[in-house]
Amino acid sequence: MELRHLKAFVLAADLQHFSRAAEQLGIAQPAMSQLMRSLERELGLSLFRRANRGVALTAAGAAFLPHARQSIEASELASAAAWRARRGEVGEVNIGYHSALFEANLPHLLRHYFSAFPEVTVSLVDAGIRVQLEMLLEHTLDLAFARVFKHHLPDRLRTHPFSHSRLVLLMPDNHALAETFNGELATLRHEKFVFLQDSAGIGLTSHTLHACRQCQLHPENIMYVPSLMSIPGLVAAGIGLSIVPEPVTRLAMPGVRIHPLAQPEMVSELSLISRIDERASAVLHFIEQARGWV
């Protein structure tokens, strides 16, 4: 029993007319009649009887009709599900992050994605950059959001630009330069700094220190901490200064003075990292969606 037979039958039943059904299907009336005869032969039943200026369902036809509709709907649902899977709108995506959720774009992207594609299961894993890269290579993560030197990534990984943030200076509000700092980073060469631990040597701190060196600042007295979230508190406590992406200032607290940095080098890029040979439809679909939020 072919789907085209069922669709023709349902249309003829609704219109109660073979010629009108044939016209809507874009076929000749004899071909429509042949479809119905073929279906009736397969079933061994008469589905229609001639009526005044048209056709009417027999008792068998009336009993068959709701099941024919269900079969058509089931076929359409199956086809739609297959196409959603092909487009990547069904499946599972495991995403690594660490400090990346401070970027406004990323929470907004995730909220949109959860709402627009509920058949994709998205799992989030909070891990440092080294662990994220290892998990990507081991296929226990599909994607990762991190600030990295893309040229230092393993060969099997690639980056997709996602967002850029200005780097800003955090300083205790009782610091001698709190009121007078003019943006010249070289004047801070003897200060103590607090930075995020970057054991991989390719993450946020490595990028920040590289940018600092371009601006003639070479910090030597550095305290490394495992959590970016602790840095504003340590600055407020007078432990040292820090240079962080501007979104981190949402964690700022009393006791911290925030100084914008005008130097064009003082910018941090958040990248979406994937495997070069990625083929999973759901993962590729997420990457495509993420590009719309750059």
Protein backbone atom coordinates (compact mmCIF):
# COMPACT_ATOMS: atom_id res chain seq x y z
CA MET A 1 0.00 0.00 0.00
CA GLU A 2 1.67 3.17 -1.21
CA LEU A 3 1.45 6.56 0.44
CA ARG A 4 0.25 8.14 -2.80
CA HIS A 5 -2.77 5.84 -2.74
CA LEU A 6 -3.63 6.91 0.80
CA LYS A 7 -3.23 10.61 0.04
CA ALA A 8 -5.44 10.31 -3.05
CA PHE A 9 -8.03 8.35 -1.07
CA VAL A 10 -8.18 10.93 1.76
CA LEU A 11 -8.47 13.81 -0.69
CA ALA A 12 -11.25 12.08 -2.64
CA ALA A 13 -13.05 11.30 0.62
CA ASP A 14 -12.84 14.91 1.75
CA LEU A 15 -13.97 16.35 -1.60
CA GLN A 16 -16.39 13.52 -2.35
CA HIS A 17 -15.37 13.86 -5.97
CA PHE A 18 -12.71 12.09 -8.05
CA SER A 19 -12.33 14.84 -10.66
CA ARG A 20 -11.78 17.59 -8.09
CA ALA A 21 -9.33 15.39 -6.20
CA ALA A 22 -7.47 14.66 -9.44
CA GLU A 23 -7.29 18.37 -10.20
CA GLN A 24 -5.75 19.16 -6.80
CA LEU A 25 -3.26 16.33 -7.20
CA GLY A 26 -2.32 17.54 -10.66
CA ILE A 27 -3.27 14.29 -12.40
CA ALA A 28 -5.92 13.27 -14.91
CA GLN A 29 -9.26 11.97 -13.67
CA PRO A 30 -8.72 8.48 -15.18
CA ALA A 31 -5.44 8.21 -13.31
CA MET A 32 -7.27 9.13 -10.10
CA SER A 33 -9.86 6.44 -10.71
CA GLN A 34 -7.07 3.93 -11.39
CA LEU A 35 -5.40 4.79 -8.06
CA MET A 36 -8.64 4.12 -6.20
CA ARG A 37 -9.29 0.84 -8.06
CA SER A 38 -5.74 -0.29 -7.27
CA LEU A 39 -6.24 0.50 -3.57
CA GLU A 40 -9.59 -1.29 -3.47
CA ARG A 41 -8.09 -4.37 -5.17
CA GLU A 42 -5.28 -4.45 -2.60
CA LEU A 43 -7.76 -4.22 0.27
CA GLY A 44 -10.35 -6.48 -1.35
CA LEU A 45 -13.00 -3.91 -0.42
CA SER A 46 -15.06 -1.19 -2.05
CA LEU A 47 -14.21 2.17 -0.49
CA PHE A 48 -16.50 4.40 -2.58
CA ARG A 49 -19.91 4.23 -4.12
CA ARG A 50 -21.28 6.47 -6.79
CA ALA A 51 -23.38 9.31 -5.39
CA ASN A 52 -25.25 12.21 -6.92
CA ARG A 53 -22.60 14.19 -8.87
CA GLY A 54 -19.77 12.60 -6.98
CA VAL A 55 -18.77 9.74 -4.71
CA ALA A 56 -19.49 8.76 -1.11
CA LEU A 57 -17.65 6.48 1.27
CA THR A 58 -18.90 2.99 1.87
CA ALA A 59 -18.96 1.71 5.47
CA ALA A 60 -15.57 0.13 4.81
CA GLY A 61 -14.26 3.42 3.39
CA ALA A 62 -15.51 5.37 6.41
CA ALA A 63 -13.76 2.92 8.76
CA PHE A 64 -10.58 3.07 6.68
CA LEU A 65 -10.43 6.90 6.51
CA PRO A 66 -9.14 7.80 10.03
CA HIS A 67 -6.43 5.16 9.79
CA ALA A 68 -5.39 6.44 6.37
CA ARG A 69 -5.10 9.94 7.85
CA GLN A 70 -2.98 8.60 10.72
CA SER A 71 -0.70 6.78 8.29
CA ILE A 72 -0.17 9.96 6.28
CA GLU A 73 0.49 12.01 9.43
CA ALA A 74 2.90 9.37 10.74
CA SER A 75 4.75 9.40 7.44
CA GLU A 76 5.00 13.18 7.49
CA LEU A 77 6.21 13.15 11.10
CA ALA A 78 8.82 10.53 10.26
CA SER A 79 10.01 12.54 7.27
CA ALA A 80 10.16 15.74 9.31
CA ALA A 81 12.12 13.97 12.07
CA ALA A 82 14.59 12.63 9.54
CA TRP A 83 15.12 16.09 8.06
CA ARG A 84 15.51 17.64 11.53
CA ALA A 85 18.18 15.05 12.30
CA ARG A 86 19.93 15.76 9.00
CA ARG A 87 19.89 19.51 9.75
CA GLY A 88 21.30 18.82 13.22
CA GLU A 89 18.14 19.80 15.09
CA VAL A 90 18.08 16.44 16.88
CA GLY A 91 20.93 14.90 18.83
CA GLU A 92 23.37 15.71 21.59
CA VAL A 93 26.10 18.34 21.98
CA ASN A 94 28.58 18.43 24.88
CA ILE A 95 30.12 21.87 25.39
CA GLY A 96 33.05 22.88 27.57
CA TYR A 97 33.46 26.32 29.11
CA HIS A 98 35.19 27.95 32.06
CA SER A 99 35.04 31.71 32.36
CA ALA A 100 33.27 31.97 29.00
CA LEU A 101 29.80 32.38 30.49
CA PHE A 102 30.74 35.91 31.58
CA GLU A 103 30.37 36.90 27.93
CA ALA A 104 26.80 38.06 27.44
CA ASN A 105 26.59 36.55 23.95
CA LEU A 106 27.16 33.00 25.17
CA PRO A 107 24.33 32.78 27.74
CA HIS A 108 22.03 34.42 25.19
CA LEU A 109 23.07 31.93 22.50
CA LEU A 110 22.45 29.00 24.85
CA ARG A 111 19.06 30.33 25.95
CA HIS A 112 18.03 30.76 22.32
CA TYR A 113 19.30 27.31 21.41
CA PHE A 114 17.52 25.56 24.30
CA SER A 115 14.27 27.24 23.26
CA ALA A 116 14.54 26.92 19.47
CA PHE A 117 15.90 23.34 19.31
CA PRO A 118 14.47 21.39 22.26
CA GLU A 119 15.28 18.04 20.62
CA VAL A 120 19.01 18.70 20.94
CA THR A 121 20.37 17.76 24.35
CA VAL A 122 23.07 20.25 25.32
CA SER A 123 25.38 19.32 28.21
CA LEU A 124 27.71 21.93 29.71
CA VAL A 125 31.02 21.01 31.32
CA ASP A 126 32.98 23.51 33.44
CA ALA A 127 36.67 22.74 32.92
CA GLY A 128 39.99 24.49 32.45
CA ILE A 129 41.36 24.99 28.96
CA ARG A 130 43.85 22.10 29.13
CA VAL A 131 41.12 19.67 30.20
CA GLN A 132 38.76 20.99 27.52
CA LEU A 133 41.32 20.37 24.79
CA GLU A 134 42.02 16.86 26.06
CA MET A 135 38.29 16.08 26.17
CA LEU A 136 37.83 17.39 22.63
CA LEU A 137 40.59 15.12 21.36
CA GLU A 138 39.10 12.19 23.30
CA HIS A 139 35.60 12.93 21.89
CA THR A 140 34.14 13.34 25.38
CA LEU A 141 33.48 16.99 24.47
CA ASP A 142 32.13 18.16 21.12
CA LEU A 143 32.83 21.88 21.44
CA ALA A 144 34.57 24.27 23.81
CA PHE A 145 34.44 28.00 24.47
CA ALA A 146 37.77 29.48 25.56
CA ARG A 147 40.23 32.29 25.01
CA VAL A 148 43.16 30.66 23.28
CA PHE A 149 46.11 31.28 21.01
CA LYS A 150 44.69 29.45 18.01
CA HIS A 151 48.15 28.86 16.50
CA HIS A 152 49.09 26.85 19.61
CA LEU A 153 46.16 24.46 19.41
CA PRO A 154 46.65 20.75 18.61
CA ASP A 155 46.54 20.12 14.86
CA ARG A 156 43.18 18.31 15.06
CA LEU A 157 41.39 21.34 16.51
CA ARG A 158 40.26 24.61 15.00
CA THR A 159 38.77 27.85 16.29
CA HIS A 160 35.72 29.86 15.25
CA PRO A 161 35.70 33.53 16.41
CA PHE A 162 32.77 34.14 18.74
CA SER A 163 33.17 37.43 20.61
CA HIS A 164 35.69 40.14 21.47
CA SER A 165 36.01 42.01 24.75
CA ARG A 166 38.16 44.94 25.76
CA LEU A 167 40.66 44.18 28.51
CA VAL A 168 40.37 46.42 31.58
CA LEU A 169 42.60 47.08 34.57
CA LEU A 170 41.33 46.28 38.07
CA MET A 171 43.00 48.25 40.87
CA PRO A 172 42.29 48.62 44.60
CA ASP A 173 40.50 51.93 45.11
CA ASN A 174 43.08 52.96 47.71
CA HIS A 175 46.01 52.41 45.34
CA ALA A 176 48.31 55.36 44.81
CA LEU A 177 47.34 55.44 41.11
CA ALA A 178 43.61 54.85 41.60
CA GLU A 179 42.73 58.46 40.77
CA THR A 180 45.56 59.34 38.42
CA PHE A 181 46.26 56.27 36.25
CA ASN A 182 46.49 57.56 32.69
CA GLY A 183 46.43 54.27 30.80
CA GLU A 184 50.18 53.93 30.39
CA LEU A 185 50.71 50.28 31.24
CA ALA A 186 54.48 50.65 31.43
CA THR A 187 54.02 52.60 34.69
CA LEU A 188 52.74 49.40 36.33
CA ARG A 189 55.90 47.33 35.72
CA HIS A 190 56.73 47.06 39.44
CA GLU A 191 53.21 46.20 40.59
CA LYS A 192 52.03 42.81 41.79
CA PHE A 193 49.39 41.20 39.57
CA VAL A 194 46.75 38.52 40.04
CA PHE A 195 46.03 36.37 36.99
CA LEU A 196 44.12 33.22 36.16
CA GLN A 197 46.26 30.11 36.16
CA ASP A 198 47.07 29.11 32.57
CA SER A 199 48.92 25.83 32.75
CA ALA A 200 48.32 25.17 29.04
CA GLY A 201 50.14 28.36 28.08
CA ILE A 202 47.57 29.17 25.40
CA GLY A 203 44.65 30.60 27.37
CA LEU A 204 43.44 33.92 28.77
CA THR A 205 46.50 34.74 30.88
CA SER A 206 48.99 33.90 28.14
CA HIS A 207 47.02 36.07 25.73
CA THR A 208 46.80 38.92 28.28
CA LEU A 209 50.51 38.84 29.09
CA HIS A 210 51.34 38.80 25.38
CA ALA A 211 49.18 41.91 24.90
CA CYS A 212 50.84 43.54 27.93
CA ARG A 213 54.31 42.98 26.49
CA GLN A 214 53.21 44.69 23.29
CA CYS A 215 52.36 47.70 25.46
CA GLN A 216 55.72 47.68 27.29
CA LEU A 217 54.37 46.05 30.46
CA HIS A 218 56.28 42.98 31.62
CA PRO A 219 54.74 41.83 34.91
CA GLU A 220 57.21 39.89 37.05
CA ASN A 221 55.44 39.64 40.41
CA ILE A 222 52.40 37.49 39.63
CA MET A 223 50.02 35.50 41.81
CA TYR A 224 48.17 32.81 39.84
CA VAL A 225 44.70 31.68 40.97
CA PRO A 226 42.52 28.81 39.69
CA SER A 227 39.28 30.80 39.43
CA LEU A 228 38.61 33.97 37.49
CA MET A 229 35.73 34.73 39.84
CA SER A 230 38.11 35.19 42.77
CA ILE A 231 40.17 37.91 41.10
CA PRO A 232 37.94 40.97 41.84
CA GLY A 233 37.85 39.99 45.51
CA LEU A 234 41.63 39.61 45.66
CA VAL A 235 42.07 43.00 44.02
CA ALA A 236 39.63 44.56 46.50
CA ALA A 237 41.68 42.99 49.31
CA GLY A 238 44.77 44.77 48.03
CA ILE A 239 46.62 41.62 46.94
CA GLY A 240 47.44 43.09 43.56
CA LEU A 241 46.19 44.49 40.26
CA SER A 242 44.68 42.47 37.44
CA ILE A 243 43.85 42.79 33.77
CA VAL A 244 40.68 40.94 32.77
CA PRO A 245 38.08 40.93 29.97
CA GLU A 246 35.51 43.68 30.53
CA PRO A 247 32.60 41.23 31.18
CA VAL A 248 34.38 40.06 34.35
CA THR A 249 33.72 43.49 35.84
CA ARG A 250 30.17 42.32 36.46
CA LEU A 251 31.73 40.60 39.46
CA ALA A 252 33.33 43.82 40.67
CA MET A 253 32.71 44.85 44.26
CA PRO A 254 33.34 47.79 46.56
CA GLY A 255 37.02 48.48 46.85
CA VAL A 256 37.84 47.99 43.16
CA ARG A 257 38.56 50.73 40.64
CA ILE A 258 38.08 49.80 36.97
CA HIS A 259 40.25 51.52 34.38
CA PRO A 260 39.50 51.08 30.64
CA LEU A 261 42.53 50.38 28.46
CA ALA A 262 42.61 52.22 25.17
CA GLN A 263 45.48 50.32 23.57
CA PRO A 264 44.20 48.37 20.53
CA GLU A 265 46.25 45.31 21.58
CA MET A 266 44.32 45.01 24.83
CA VAL A 267 41.48 42.91 23.45
CA SER A 268 40.48 39.35 24.30
CA GLU A 269 38.82 37.01 21.82
CA LEU A 270 36.53 34.22 22.94
CA SER A 271 36.64 31.34 20.46
CA LEU A 272 34.46 28.35 19.80
CA ILE A 273 36.76 25.34 19.42
CA SER A 274 35.87 22.21 17.45
CA ARG A 275 37.54 19.24 15.83
CA ILE A 276 38.65 19.84 12.24
CA ASP A 277 37.07 16.58 11.07
CA GLU A 278 33.77 17.06 12.91
CA ARG A 279 30.89 15.38 11.07
CA ALA A 280 28.07 15.15 13.64
CA SER A 281 25.07 17.07 12.30
CA ALA A 282 24.00 18.42 15.71
CA VAL A 283 27.50 19.77 16.42
CA LEU A 284 27.83 21.39 12.98
CA HIS A 285 24.36 22.88 13.41
CA PHE A 286 25.35 24.42 16.76
CA ILE A 287 28.46 25.94 15.17
CA GLU A 288 26.32 27.44 12.42
CA GLN A 289 23.93 28.90 14.99
CA ALA A 290 26.84 30.31 17.01
CA ARG A 291 28.11 32.17 13.94
CA GLY A 292 24.89 34.18 14.00
CA TRP A 293 25.82 35.54 17.45
CA VAL A 294 29.31 36.75 16.57
